[in-house]
C-alpha atoms as a PDB file:
ATOM      1  CA  MET A   1       1.756  -8.776 -28.057  1.00  0.00           C
ATOM      2  CA  THR A   2       3.568 -10.894 -25.381  1.00  0.00           C
ATOM      3  CA  THR A   3       4.532  -8.204 -22.900  1.00  0.00           C
ATOM      4  CA  ALA A   4       1.495  -6.445 -23.413  1.00  0.00           C
ATOM      5  CA  ILE A   5      -0.375  -9.778 -22.185  1.00  0.00           C
ATOM      6  CA  ALA A   6       2.203  -9.831 -19.636  1.00  0.00           C
ATOM      7  CA  CYS A   7       1.556  -6.711 -18.392  1.00  0.00           C
ATOM      8  CA  ASP A   8      -2.115  -7.508 -18.280  1.00  0.00           C
ATOM      9  CA  HIS A   9      -1.621 -10.578 -16.032  1.00  0.00           C
ATOM     10  CA  LEU A  10       0.685  -8.652 -13.934  1.00  0.00           C
ATOM     11  CA  ARG A  11      -1.775  -6.279 -12.867  1.00  0.00           C
ATOM     12  CA  ILE A  12      -4.690  -8.881 -12.094  1.00  0.00           C
ATOM     13  CA  ALA A  13      -1.620 -10.465  -9.551  1.00  0.00           C
ATOM     14  CA  LEU A  14      -0.973  -6.950  -8.211  1.00  0.00           C
ATOM     15  CA  ALA A  15      -4.659  -6.669  -7.443  1.00  0.00           C
ATOM     16  CA  HIS A  16      -4.688  -9.771  -5.741  1.00  0.00           C
ATOM     17  CA  VAL A  17      -1.552  -8.591  -3.309  1.00  0.00           C
ATOM     18  CA  GLY A  18      -3.807  -5.550  -2.601  1.00  0.00           C
ATOM     19  CA  GLN A  19      -6.842  -7.470  -1.728  1.00  0.00           C
ATOM     20  CA  ILE A  20      -4.604  -9.551   0.711  1.00  0.00           C
ATOM     21  CA  SER A  21      -3.104  -6.003   1.996  1.00  0.00           C
ATOM     22  CA  GLU A  22      -6.505  -4.503   2.347  1.00  0.00           C
ATOM     23  CA  ARG A  23      -7.926  -7.888   4.330  1.00  0.00           C
ATOM     24  CA  ARG A  24      -5.083  -7.806   6.767  1.00  0.00           C
ATOM     25  CA  MET A  25      -5.696  -4.078   7.129  1.00  0.00           C
ATOM     26  CA  SER A  26      -9.243  -5.138   8.349  1.00  0.00           C
ATOM     27  CA  HIS A  27      -7.818  -7.536  11.024  1.00  0.00           C
ATOM     28  CA  LEU A  28      -5.426  -4.515  12.211  1.00  0.00           C
ATOM     29  CA  TRP A  29      -8.421  -2.450  12.569  1.00  0.00           C
ATOM     30  CA  ASP A  30     -10.421  -4.701  14.409  1.00  0.00           C
ATOM     31  CA  ALA A  31      -7.511  -5.663  16.589  1.00  0.00           C
ATOM     32  CA  PHE A  32      -6.578  -1.577  17.588  1.00  0.00           C
ATOM     33  CA  PHE A  33     -10.568  -1.175  18.342  1.00  0.00           C
ATOM     34  CA  GLU A  34     -10.195  -4.494  20.837  1.00  0.00           C
ATOM     35  CA  GLN A  35      -7.020  -3.085  22.294  1.00  0.00           C
ATOM     36  CA  GLU A  36      -9.066  -0.039  23.207  1.00  0.00           C
ATOM     37  CA  ALA A  37     -12.053  -1.948  24.522  1.00  0.00           C
ATOM     38  CA  GLY A  38      -9.514  -3.502  26.890  1.00  0.00           C
ATOM     39  CA  ALA A  39      -7.332  -0.753  27.918  1.00  0.00           C
ATOM     40  CA  GLY A  40      -9.771   1.000  30.245  1.00  0.00           C
ATOM     41  CA  VAL A  41      -9.822   4.943  30.856  1.00  0.00           C
ATOM     42  CA  PRO A  42      -6.512   6.529  30.192  1.00  0.00           C
ATOM     43  CA  PRO A  43      -4.413   7.955  33.404  1.00  0.00           C
ATOM     44  CA  PRO A  44      -4.914  11.993  33.389  1.00  0.00           C
ATOM     45  CA  GLY A  45      -2.455  13.874  31.153  1.00  0.00           C
ATOM     46  CA  TRP A  46      -2.133  10.843  28.849  1.00  0.00           C
ATOM     47  CA  GLU A  47      -1.646  11.814  25.200  1.00  0.00           C
ATOM     48  CA  PRO A  48      -2.597   9.678  22.369  1.00  0.00           C
ATOM     49  CA  PRO A  49      -0.111   8.634  20.140  1.00  0.00           C
ATOM     50  CA  GLU A  50       0.076   9.758  16.673  1.00  0.00           C
ATOM     51  CA  LEU A  51      -1.824   6.978  14.550  1.00  0.00           C
ATOM     52  CA  PHE A  52      -0.915   7.647  11.000  1.00  0.00           C
ATOM     53  CA  GLY A  53      -1.910   4.175   9.666  1.00  0.00           C
ATOM     54  CA  LEU A  54      -5.118   4.100  11.208  1.00  0.00           C
ATOM     55  CA  SER A  55      -5.951   7.618   9.995  1.00  0.00           C
ATOM     56  CA  LEU A  56      -5.208   6.486   6.260  1.00  0.00           C
ATOM     57  CA  ARG A  57      -7.613   3.143   6.648  1.00  0.00           C
ATOM     58  CA  TYR A  58     -10.435   4.794   4.310  1.00  0.00           C
ATOM     59  CA  PRO A  59      -8.178   6.172   1.541  1.00  0.00           C
ATOM     60  CA  ALA A  60      -6.604   2.735   1.564  1.00  0.00           C
ATOM     61  CA  ALA A  61      -9.796   1.177   0.883  1.00  0.00           C
ATOM     62  CA  ALA A  62     -10.686   3.663  -2.041  1.00  0.00           C
ATOM     63  CA  THR A  63      -7.105   2.863  -3.281  1.00  0.00           C
ATOM     64  CA  PHE A  64      -7.767  -0.679  -3.283  1.00  0.00           C
ATOM     65  CA  SER A  65     -11.027  -0.080  -5.435  1.00  0.00           C
ATOM     66  CA  GLU A  66      -9.058   2.016  -7.768  1.00  0.00           C
ATOM     67  CA  LEU A  67      -6.212  -1.013  -8.125  1.00  0.00           C
ATOM     68  CA  LYS A  68      -9.020  -3.450  -9.002  1.00  0.00           C
ATOM     69  CA  GLN A  69     -10.404  -1.371 -11.786  1.00  0.00           C
ATOM     70  CA  LEU A  70      -6.607  -1.075 -13.206  1.00  0.00           C
ATOM     71  CA  ALA A  71      -6.694  -5.119 -13.394  1.00  0.00           C
ATOM     72  CA  ALA A  72      -9.135  -4.903 -16.137  1.00  0.00           C
ATOM     73  CA  PRO A  73      -7.244  -6.061 -19.453  1.00  0.00           C
ATOM     74  CA  ALA A  74      -6.147  -3.163 -21.622  1.00  0.00           C
ATOM     75  CA  THR A  75      -5.103  -5.390 -24.745  1.00  0.00           C
ATOM     76  CA  LEU A  76      -8.554  -6.372 -25.440  1.00  0.00           C
ATOM     77  CA  ASP A  77      -9.478  -2.441 -25.586  1.00  0.00           C
ATOM     78  CA  ALA A  78      -8.319  -1.637 -29.377  1.00  0.00           C
ATOM     79  CA  PRO A  79     -10.387  -0.892 -32.355  1.00  0.00           C
ATOM     80  CA  PRO A  80      -9.429  -1.649 -35.540  1.00  0.00           C
ATOM     81  CA  LEU A  81      -6.870   0.871 -37.210  1.00  0.00           C
ATOM     82  CA  ASP A  82      -6.043   2.461 -40.287  1.00  0.00           C
ATOM     83  CA  ILE A  83      -9.201   1.557 -42.205  1.00  0.00           C
ATOM     84  CA  GLY A  84      -9.184  -1.909 -41.418  1.00  0.00           C
ATOM     85  CA  ILE A  85      -5.759  -2.781 -42.784  1.00  0.00           C
ATOM     86  CA  GLU A  86      -4.225  -3.106 -39.334  1.00  0.00           C
ATOM     87  CA  ASP A  87      -7.086  -5.201 -37.450  1.00  0.00           C
ATOM     88  CA  HIS A  88      -5.560  -5.764 -34.158  1.00  0.00           C
ATOM     89  CA  ALA A  89      -3.613  -3.674 -31.946  1.00  0.00           C
ATOM     90  CA  THR A  90      -1.643  -4.537 -28.723  1.00  0.00           C
ATOM     91  CA  SER A  91      -2.534  -1.333 -26.569  1.00  0.00           C
ATOM     92  CA  ALA A  92       1.168  -2.081 -25.099  1.00  0.00           C
ATOM     93  CA  PRO A  93       1.725   1.370 -24.432  1.00  0.00           C
ATOM     94  CA  LEU A  94      -1.778   1.681 -22.325  1.00  0.00           C
ATOM     95  CA  THR A  95      -1.336  -1.661 -20.827  1.00  0.00           C
ATOM     96  CA  ALA A  96       2.574  -0.440 -19.810  1.00  0.00           C
ATOM     97  CA  ARG A  97       0.910   2.604 -18.241  1.00  0.00           C
ATOM     98  CA  LYS A  98      -1.795   1.231 -16.144  1.00  0.00           C
ATOM     99  CA  THR A  99       0.833  -1.520 -14.992  1.00  0.00           C
ATOM    100  CA  GLY A 100       3.151   1.504 -13.724  1.00  0.00           C
ATOM    101  CA  GLU A 101      -0.092   2.995 -12.255  1.00  0.00           C
ATOM    102  CA  ALA A 102      -1.563  -0.026 -10.763  1.00  0.00           C
ATOM    103  CA  LEU A 103       2.331  -0.556  -8.768  1.00  0.00           C
ATOM    104  CA  ASP A 104       2.219   2.810  -7.663  1.00  0.00           C
ATOM    105  CA  LEU A 105      -1.228   2.259  -6.021  1.00  0.00           C
ATOM    106  CA  LEU A 106      -0.055  -1.246  -4.724  1.00  0.00           C
ATOM    107  CA  GLU A 107       2.636   0.805  -2.984  1.00  0.00           C
ATOM    108  CA  GLU A 108       0.410   3.012  -1.409  1.00  0.00           C
ATOM    109  CA  ILE A 109      -1.801   0.302   0.031  1.00  0.00           C
ATOM    110  CA  LEU A 110       1.262  -1.640   1.426  1.00  0.00           C
ATOM    111  CA  SER A 111       2.444   1.425   3.215  1.00  0.00           C
ATOM    112  CA  ILE A 112      -0.712   2.292   4.731  1.00  0.00           C
ATOM    113  CA  GLU A 113      -0.366  -1.441   6.128  1.00  0.00           C
ATOM    114  CA  VAL A 114       2.763  -1.151   7.257  1.00  0.00           C
ATOM    115  CA  LEU A 115       1.689   1.773   9.342  1.00  0.00           C
ATOM    116  CA  MET A 116      -1.544   0.329  10.443  1.00  0.00           C
ATOM    117  CA  ALA A 117       0.777  -2.555  11.711  1.00  0.00           C
ATOM    118  CA  SER A 118       3.065  -0.212  13.456  1.00  0.00           C
ATOM    119  CA  ASP A 119       0.070   1.795  15.084  1.00  0.00           C
ATOM    120  CA  VAL A 120      -1.337  -1.660  16.570  1.00  0.00           C
ATOM    121  CA  LEU A 121       1.715  -3.217  17.399  1.00  0.00           C
ATOM    122  CA  GLY A 122       2.936  -0.098  19.288  1.00  0.00           C
ATOM    123  CA  GLY A 123      -0.066  -0.402  21.643  1.00  0.00           C
ATOM    124  CA  GLU A 124       0.447  -4.321  22.355  1.00  0.00           C
ATOM    125  CA  GLN A 125       1.987  -4.993  25.635  1.00  0.00           C
ATOM    126  CA  PRO A 126       3.910  -6.876  25.605  1.00  0.00           C
ATOM    127  CA  ALA A 127       5.454  -6.228  22.736  1.00  0.00           C
ATOM    128  CA  PRO A 128       4.671  -9.057  20.184  1.00  0.00           C
ATOM    129  CA  MET A 129       7.833 -11.211  18.859  1.00  0.00           C
ATOM    130  CA  LEU A 130       7.908 -10.304  15.033  1.00  0.00           C
ATOM    131  CA  GLY A 131      10.133 -11.939  12.367  1.00  0.00           C
ATOM    132  CA  GLU A 132      13.360 -10.225  11.473  1.00  0.00           C
ATOM    133  CA  ARG A 133      12.156  -9.044   8.130  1.00  0.00           C
ATOM    134  CA  THR A 134       8.585  -7.859   9.457  1.00  0.00           C
ATOM    135  CA  SER A 135      10.815  -6.010  12.261  1.00  0.00           C
ATOM    136  CA  THR A 136      13.256  -4.256   9.753  1.00  0.00           C
ATOM    137  CA  VAL A 137      10.116  -3.187   7.794  1.00  0.00           C
ATOM    138  CA  ILE A 138       8.258  -1.765  11.115  1.00  0.00           C
ATOM    139  CA  GLU A 139      11.467   0.072  12.222  1.00  0.00           C
ATOM    140  CA  ARG A 140      12.232   1.524   8.569  1.00  0.00           C
ATOM    141  CA  ALA A 141       8.590   2.791   8.654  1.00  0.00           C
ATOM    142  CA  ARG A 142       9.161   4.099  12.587  1.00  0.00           C
ATOM    143  CA  GLN A 143      12.535   5.781  11.721  1.00  0.00           C
ATOM    144  CA  THR A 144      11.034   7.647   8.599  1.00  0.00           C
ATOM    145  CA  ILE A 145       8.647   9.030  10.671  1.00  0.00           C
ATOM    146  CA  GLY A 146      10.932  10.067  13.568  1.00  0.00           C
ATOM    147  CA  ALA A 147      12.878  11.992  10.874  1.00  0.00           C
ATOM    148  CA  LEU A 148       9.980  14.210   9.374  1.00  0.00           C
ATOM    149  CA  GLU A 149      10.280  17.491  11.155  1.00  0.00           C
ATOM    150  CA  GLU A 150       7.906  19.757   9.362  1.00  0.00           C
ATOM    151  CA  ASP A 151       5.059  18.227   7.369  1.00  0.00           C
ATOM    152  CA  ARG A 152       3.799  15.032   9.500  1.00  0.00           C
ATOM    153  CA  SER A 153       0.089  14.964   7.867  1.00  0.00           C
ATOM    154  CA  PRO A 154      -0.827  11.393   7.459  1.00  0.00           C
ATOM    155  CA  ALA A 155      -0.306  11.584   3.794  1.00  0.00           C
ATOM    156  CA  HIS A 156       3.034  12.948   3.960  1.00  0.00           C
ATOM    157  CA  VAL A 157       3.806  10.398   6.548  1.00  0.00           C
ATOM    158  CA  GLN A 158       2.623   7.676   4.178  1.00  0.00           C
ATOM    159  CA  ARG A 159       4.279   8.912   1.023  1.00  0.00           C
ATOM    160  CA  SER A 160       7.755   9.324   3.103  1.00  0.00           C
ATOM    161  CA  VAL A 161       7.335   5.600   4.275  1.00  0.00           C
ATOM    162  CA  ALA A 162       6.276   4.483   0.648  1.00  0.00           C
ATOM    163  CA  ALA A 163       9.673   6.107  -0.668  1.00  0.00           C
ATOM    164  CA  ALA A 164      11.764   4.401   2.346  1.00  0.00           C
ATOM    165  CA  LEU A 165      10.381   1.079   1.947  1.00  0.00           C
ATOM    166  CA  PHE A 166       9.976   0.943  -2.254  1.00  0.00           C
ATOM    167  CA  ALA A 167      12.834   3.254  -3.480  1.00  0.00           C
ATOM    168  CA  PRO A 168      15.431   0.978  -5.266  1.00  0.00           C
ATOM    169  CA  SER A 169      18.566   0.660  -3.014  1.00  0.00           C
ATOM    170  CA  VAL A 170      21.862   1.646  -4.748  1.00  0.00           C
ATOM    171  CA  ASP A 171      24.498  -0.863  -4.110  1.00  0.00           C
ATOM    172  CA  THR A 172      27.743   0.497  -3.809  1.00  0.00           C
ATOM    173  CA  SER A 173      29.763  -2.180  -3.032  1.00  0.00           C
END
């Protein structure tokens, strides 16, 4: 029972992290269009950069809505079982499955935020100073994108960046 309730609480916390990320993406979205408004007319021959994160803004919002729905407690949703003898169940398998789904959705949202930050920061002149870890995350995302040879669709780029950022690392030392 305790583990099931902890999973319910964890999903609520994950939804809050997703909400914070969604708000940051909203600020990045606004910053991008402010940049573009101040940039003027591009010179002849100018090629627009690939903007993977910005193209995923709406899917990120939909994913956040799904994440919020998963935050509802599963432990309260168990009917009496076995002719009333087992009159309470934890719904532990359901709550654990929902928590795994919520973690996957949060990774998707956060990877899109990183892609959006990369898009916006790539257009800043002069390039802004970033913290060490932020620089590392942005650089890892850019390296992942640079290594993609065939499928450079926004969805594939997002999945590849999520894998690079959130895959468990194996310490061989």
